[in-house]
């Protein structure tokens, strides 16, 4: 007779529990916010380059 693996269901659900626990603790940032901050930083770098005479 074949022996059933005990705990195979428990092992697969443990991975899902870890995944959902990590998802709850993650910091969620809107992609539009990331894009806006990148544009502002880029413009600040260009402005500082022009102010200090490094502009090509």
PDB file of N, CA and C in Angstrom:
ATOM      1  N   UNK A   1       0.828  -1.181   0.000  1.00  0.00           N
ATOM      2  CA  UNK A   1       0.000   0.000   0.000  1.00  0.00           C
ATOM      3  C   UNK A   1       0.877   1.251   0.000  1.00  0.00           C
ATOM      4  N   UNK A   2       0.424   2.208  -0.744  1.00  0.00           N
ATOM      5  CA  UNK A   2       1.171   3.454  -0.831  1.00  0.00           C
ATOM      6  C   UNK A   2       0.895   4.313   0.395  1.00  0.00           C
ATOM      7  N   UNK A   3       1.922   4.949   0.826  1.00  0.00           N
ATOM      8  CA  UNK A   3       1.801   5.805   2.002  1.00  0.00           C
ATOM      9  C   UNK A   3       1.580   7.249   1.555  1.00  0.00           C
ATOM     10  N   UNK A   4       0.572   7.909   2.097  1.00  0.00           N
ATOM     11  CA  UNK A   4       0.295   9.299   1.735  1.00  0.00           C
ATOM     12  C   UNK A   4       1.276  10.220   2.443  1.00  0.00           C
ATOM     13  N   UNK A   5       1.633  11.294   1.744  1.00  0.00           N
ATOM     14  CA  UNK A   5       2.503  12.291   2.375  1.00  0.00           C
ATOM     15  C   UNK A   5       1.662  13.164   3.275  1.00  0.00           C
ATOM     16  N   UNK A   6       1.958  13.141   4.528  1.00  0.00           N
ATOM     17  CA  UNK A   6       1.257  14.017   5.461  1.00  0.00           C
ATOM     18  C   UNK A   6       2.004  15.340   5.517  1.00  0.00           C
ATOM     19  N   UNK A   7       1.283  16.405   5.427  1.00  0.00           N
ATOM     20  CA  UNK A   7       1.929  17.709   5.529  1.00  0.00           C
ATOM     21  C   UNK A   7       2.154  18.368   4.188  1.00  0.00           C
ATOM     22  N   UNK A   8       1.817  17.700   3.078  1.00  0.00           N
ATOM     23  CA  UNK A   8       2.011  18.354   1.790  1.00  0.00           C
ATOM     24  C   UNK A   8       1.069  19.546   1.647  1.00  0.00           C
ATOM     25  N   UNK A   9      -0.140  19.444   2.179  1.00  0.00           N
ATOM     26  CA  UNK A   9      -1.060  20.571   2.153  1.00  0.00           C
ATOM     27  C   UNK A   9      -0.591  21.681   3.072  1.00  0.00           C
ATOM     28  N   UNK A  10      -0.027  21.316   4.199  1.00  0.00           N
ATOM     29  CA  UNK A  10       0.464  22.302   5.149  1.00  0.00           C
ATOM     30  C   UNK A  10       1.651  23.066   4.579  1.00  0.00           C
ATOM     31  N   UNK A  11       2.531  22.366   3.867  1.00  0.00           N
ATOM     32  CA  UNK A  11       3.699  23.033   3.294  1.00  0.00           C
ATOM     33  C   UNK A  11       3.284  24.046   2.230  1.00  0.00           C
ATOM     34  N   UNK A  12       2.316  23.700   1.388  1.00  0.00           N
ATOM     35  CA  UNK A  12       1.927  24.622   0.328  1.00  0.00           C
ATOM     36  C   UNK A  12       1.179  25.830   0.896  1.00  0.00           C
ATOM     37  N   UNK A  13       0.399  25.631   1.931  1.00  0.00           N
ATOM     38  CA  UNK A  13      -0.320  26.766   2.509  1.00  0.00           C
ATOM     39  C   UNK A  13       0.609  27.650   3.329  1.00  0.00           C
ATOM     40  N   UNK A  14       1.699  27.109   3.846  1.00  0.00           N
ATOM     41  CA  UNK A  14       2.649  27.915   4.619  1.00  0.00           C
ATOM     42  C   UNK A  14       3.301  28.967   3.724  1.00  0.00           C
ATOM     43  N   UNK A  15       3.601  28.617   2.483  1.00  0.00           N
ATOM     44  CA  UNK A  15       4.183  29.582   1.548  1.00  0.00           C
ATOM     45  C   UNK A  15       3.219  30.708   1.240  1.00  0.00           C
ATOM     46  N   UNK A  16       1.945  30.365   1.103  1.00  0.00           N
ATOM     47  CA  UNK A  16       0.940  31.402   0.844  1.00  0.00           C
ATOM     48  C   UNK A  16       0.789  32.323   2.041  1.00  0.00           C
ATOM     49  N   UNK A  17       0.846  31.772   3.228  1.00  0.00           N
ATOM     50  CA  UNK A  17       0.723  32.603   4.420  1.00  0.00           C
ATOM     51  C   UNK A  17       1.895  33.574   4.512  1.00  0.00           C
ATOM     52  N   UNK A  18       3.096  33.110   4.211  1.00  0.00           N
ATOM     53  CA  UNK A  18       4.253  34.009   4.229  1.00  0.00           C
ATOM     54  C   UNK A  18       4.099  35.097   3.173  1.00  0.00           C
ATOM     55  N   UNK A  19       3.561  34.742   1.999  1.00  0.00           N
ATOM     56  CA  UNK A  19       3.374  35.718   0.930  1.00  0.00           C
ATOM     57  C   UNK A  19       2.387  36.798   1.361  1.00  0.00           C
ATOM     58  N   UNK A  20       1.274  36.395   1.925  1.00  0.00           N
ATOM     59  CA  UNK A  20       0.267  37.384   2.329  1.00  0.00           C
ATOM     60  C   UNK A  20       0.733  38.203   3.529  1.00  0.00           C
ATOM     61  N   UNK A  21       1.514  37.617   4.422  1.00  0.00           N
ATOM     62  CA  UNK A  21       2.055  38.393   5.536  1.00  0.00           C
ATOM     63  C   UNK A  21       3.007  39.467   5.015  1.00  0.00           C
ATOM     64  N   UNK A  22       3.822  39.137   4.031  1.00  0.00           N
ATOM     65  CA  UNK A  22       4.762  40.104   3.469  1.00  0.00           C
ATOM     66  C   UNK A  22       4.011  41.201   2.736  1.00  0.00           C
ATOM     67  N   UNK A  23       2.913  40.850   2.087  1.00  0.00           N
ATOM     68  CA  UNK A  23       2.134  41.840   1.345  1.00  0.00           C
ATOM     69  C   UNK A  23       1.503  42.866   2.286  1.00  0.00           C
ATOM     70  N   UNK A  24       1.103  42.438   3.463  1.00  0.00           N
ATOM     71  CA  UNK A  24       0.467  43.360   4.400  1.00  0.00           C
ATOM     72  C   UNK A  24       1.458  44.362   4.980  1.00  0.00           C
ATOM     73  N   UNK A  25       2.720  43.972   5.122  1.00  0.00           N
ATOM     74  CA  UNK A  25       3.704  44.851   5.742  1.00  0.00           C
ATOM     75  C   UNK A  25       4.451  45.709   4.719  1.00  0.00           C
ATOM     76  N   UNK A  26       4.209  45.492   3.431  1.00  0.00           N
ATOM     77  CA  UNK A  26       4.923  46.231   2.398  1.00  0.00           C
ATOM     78  C   UNK A  26       4.412  47.669   2.320  1.00  0.00           C
ATOM     79  N   UNK A  27       5.312  48.582   1.972  1.00  0.00           N
ATOM     80  CA  UNK A  27       4.943  49.985   1.776  1.00  0.00           C
ATOM     81  C   UNK A  27       4.434  50.118   0.344  1.00  0.00           C
ATOM     82  N   UNK A  28       3.232  50.616   0.195  1.00  0.00           N
ATOM     83  CA  UNK A  28       2.653  50.769  -1.135  1.00  0.00           C
ATOM     84  C   UNK A  28       2.738  52.228  -1.552  1.00  0.00           C
ATOM     85  N   UNK A  29       3.371  52.472  -2.717  1.00  0.00           N
ATOM     86  CA  UNK A  29       3.530  53.818  -3.250  1.00  0.00           C
ATOM     87  C   UNK A  29       2.862  53.852  -4.622  1.00  0.00           C
ATOM     88  N   UNK A  30       2.084  54.875  -4.846  1.00  0.00           N
ATOM     89  CA  UNK A  30       1.408  55.050  -6.111  1.00  0.00           C
ATOM     90  C   UNK A  30       2.451  55.284  -7.213  1.00  0.00           C
ATOM     91  N   UNK A  31       2.335  54.617  -8.368  1.00  0.00           N
ATOM     92  CA  UNK A  31       3.300  54.831  -9.458  1.00  0.00           C
ATOM     93  C   UNK A  31       3.352  56.288  -9.940  1.00  0.00           C
ATOM     94  N   UNK A  32       2.236  56.991  -9.871  1.00  0.00           N
ATOM     95  CA  UNK A  32       2.232  58.402 -10.274  1.00  0.00           C
ATOM     96  C   UNK A  32       3.094  59.230  -9.334  1.00  0.00           C
ATOM     97  N   UNK A  33       3.126  58.862  -8.055  1.00  0.00           N
ATOM     98  CA  UNK A  33       3.959  59.568  -7.089  1.00  0.00           C
ATOM     99  C   UNK A  33       5.438  59.359  -7.403  1.00  0.00           C
ATOM    100  N   UNK A  34       5.809  58.136  -7.720  1.00  0.00           N
ATOM    101  CA  UNK A  34       7.210  57.838  -8.062  1.00  0.00           C
ATOM    102  C   UNK A  34       7.620  58.618  -9.304  1.00  0.00           C
ATOM    103  N   UNK A  35       6.758  58.645 -10.301  1.00  0.00           N
ATOM    104  CA  UNK A  35       7.048  59.369 -11.540  1.00  0.00           C
ATOM    105  C   UNK A  35       7.187  60.867 -11.275  1.00  0.00           C
ATOM    106  N   UNK A  36       6.290  61.416 -10.469  1.00  0.00           N
ATOM    107  CA  UNK A  36       6.333  62.848 -10.153  1.00  0.00           C
ATOM    108  C   UNK A  36       7.608  63.215  -9.402  1.00  0.00           C
ATOM    109  N   UNK A  37       7.999  62.397  -8.442  1.00  0.00           N
ATOM    110  CA  UNK A  37       9.223  62.667  -7.678  1.00  0.00           C
ATOM    111  C   UNK A  37      10.444  62.592  -8.599  1.00  0.00           C
ATOM    112  N   UNK A  38      10.444  61.651  -9.519  1.00  0.00           N
ATOM    113  CA  UNK A  38      11.564  61.533 -10.460  1.00  0.00           C
ATOM    114  C   UNK A  38      11.662  62.766 -11.350  1.00  0.00           C
ATOM    115  N   UNK A  39      10.531  63.281 -11.795  1.00  0.00           N
ATOM    116  CA  UNK A  39      10.528  64.495 -12.630  1.00  0.00           C
ATOM    117  C   UNK A  39      11.041  65.690 -11.834  1.00  0.00           C
ATOM    118  N   UNK A  40      10.595  65.837 -10.600  1.00  0.00           N
ATOM    119  CA  UNK A  40      11.022  66.958  -9.753  1.00  0.00           C
ATOM    120  C   UNK A  40      12.522  66.886  -9.487  1.00  0.00           C
ATOM    121  N   UNK A  41      13.033  65.694  -9.190  1.00  0.00           N
ATOM    122  CA  UNK A  41      14.473  65.545  -8.938  1.00  0.00           C
ATOM    123  C   UNK A  41      15.261  65.858 -10.205  1.00  0.00           C
ATOM    124  N   UNK A  42      14.778  65.399 -11.361  1.00  0.00           N
ATOM    125  CA  UNK A  42      15.451  65.690 -12.626  1.00  0.00           C
ATOM    126  C   UNK A  42      15.495  67.171 -12.920  1.00  0.00           C
ATOM    127  N   UNK A  43      14.380  67.855 -12.693  1.00  0.00           N
ATOM    128  CA  UNK A  43      14.349  69.305 -12.919  1.00  0.00           C
ATOM    129  C   UNK A  43      15.261  70.041 -11.931  1.00  0.00           C
ATOM    130  N   UNK A  44      15.328  69.552 -10.692  1.00  0.00           N
ATOM    131  CA  UNK A  44      16.214  70.174  -9.703  1.00  0.00           C
ATOM    132  C   UNK A  44      17.679  70.015 -10.118  1.00  0.00           C
ATOM    133  N   UNK A  45      18.035  68.862 -10.631  1.00  0.00           N
ATOM    134  CA  UNK A  45      19.414  68.640 -11.090  1.00  0.00           C
ATOM    135  C   UNK A  45      19.730  69.565 -12.262  1.00  0.00           C
ATOM    136  N   UNK A  46      18.799  69.690 -13.194  1.00  0.00           N
ATOM    137  CA  UNK A  46      19.024  70.596 -14.331  1.00  0.00           C
ATOM    138  C   UNK A  46      19.140  72.044 -13.875  1.00  0.00           C
ATOM    139  N   UNK A  47      18.302  72.442 -12.934  1.00  0.00           N
ATOM    140  CA  UNK A  47      18.348  73.808 -12.428  1.00  0.00           C
ATOM    141  C   UNK A  47      19.672  74.080 -11.715  1.00  0.00           C
ATOM    142  N   UNK A  48      20.133  73.155 -10.898  1.00  0.00           N
ATOM    143  CA  UNK A  48      21.413  73.338 -10.201  1.00  0.00           C
ATOM    144  C   UNK A  48      22.577  73.361 -11.180  1.00  0.00           C
ATOM    145  N   UNK A  49      22.517  72.546 -12.229  1.00  0.00           N
ATOM    146  CA  UNK A  49      23.563  72.572 -13.254  1.00  0.00           C
ATOM    147  C   UNK A  49      23.595  73.930 -13.934  1.00  0.00           C
ATOM    148  N   UNK A  50      22.450  74.493 -14.251  1.00  0.00           N
ATOM    149  CA  UNK A  50      22.395  75.790 -14.900  1.00  0.00           C
ATOM    150  C   UNK A  50      22.860  76.892 -13.931  1.00  0.00           C
ATOM    151  N   UNK A  51      22.510  76.789 -12.682  1.00  0.00           N
ATOM    152  CA  UNK A  51      22.891  77.807 -11.684  1.00  0.00           C
ATOM    153  C   UNK A  51      24.395  77.849 -11.476  1.00  0.00           C
ATOM    154  N   UNK A  52      25.036  76.684 -11.403  1.00  0.00           N
ATOM    155  CA  UNK A  52      26.473  76.623 -11.150  1.00  0.00           C
ATOM    156  C   UNK A  52      27.303  76.647 -12.440  1.00  0.00           C
ATOM    157  N   UNK A  53      26.685  76.824 -13.574  1.00  0.00           N
ATOM    158  CA  UNK A  53      27.421  76.974 -14.834  1.00  0.00           C
ATOM    159  C   UNK A  53      27.942  75.674 -15.401  1.00  0.00           C
ATOM    160  N   UNK A  54      27.382  74.568 -15.028  1.00  0.00           N
ATOM    161  CA  UNK A  54      27.829  73.278 -15.552  1.00  0.00           C
ATOM    162  C   UNK A  54      27.022  72.894 -16.792  1.00  0.00           C
ATOM    163  N   UNK A  55      26.001  73.678 -17.083  1.00  0.00           N
ATOM    164  CA  UNK A  55      25.121  73.381 -18.222  1.00  0.00           C
ATOM    165  C   UNK A  55      25.941  73.378 -19.503  1.00  0.00           C
ATOM    166  N   UNK A  56      25.765  72.372 -20.338  1.00  0.00           N
ATOM    167  CA  UNK A  56      26.587  72.298 -21.579  1.00  0.00           C
ATOM    168  C   UNK A  56      26.311  73.391 -22.571  1.00  0.00           C
TER     169      UNK A  56
END
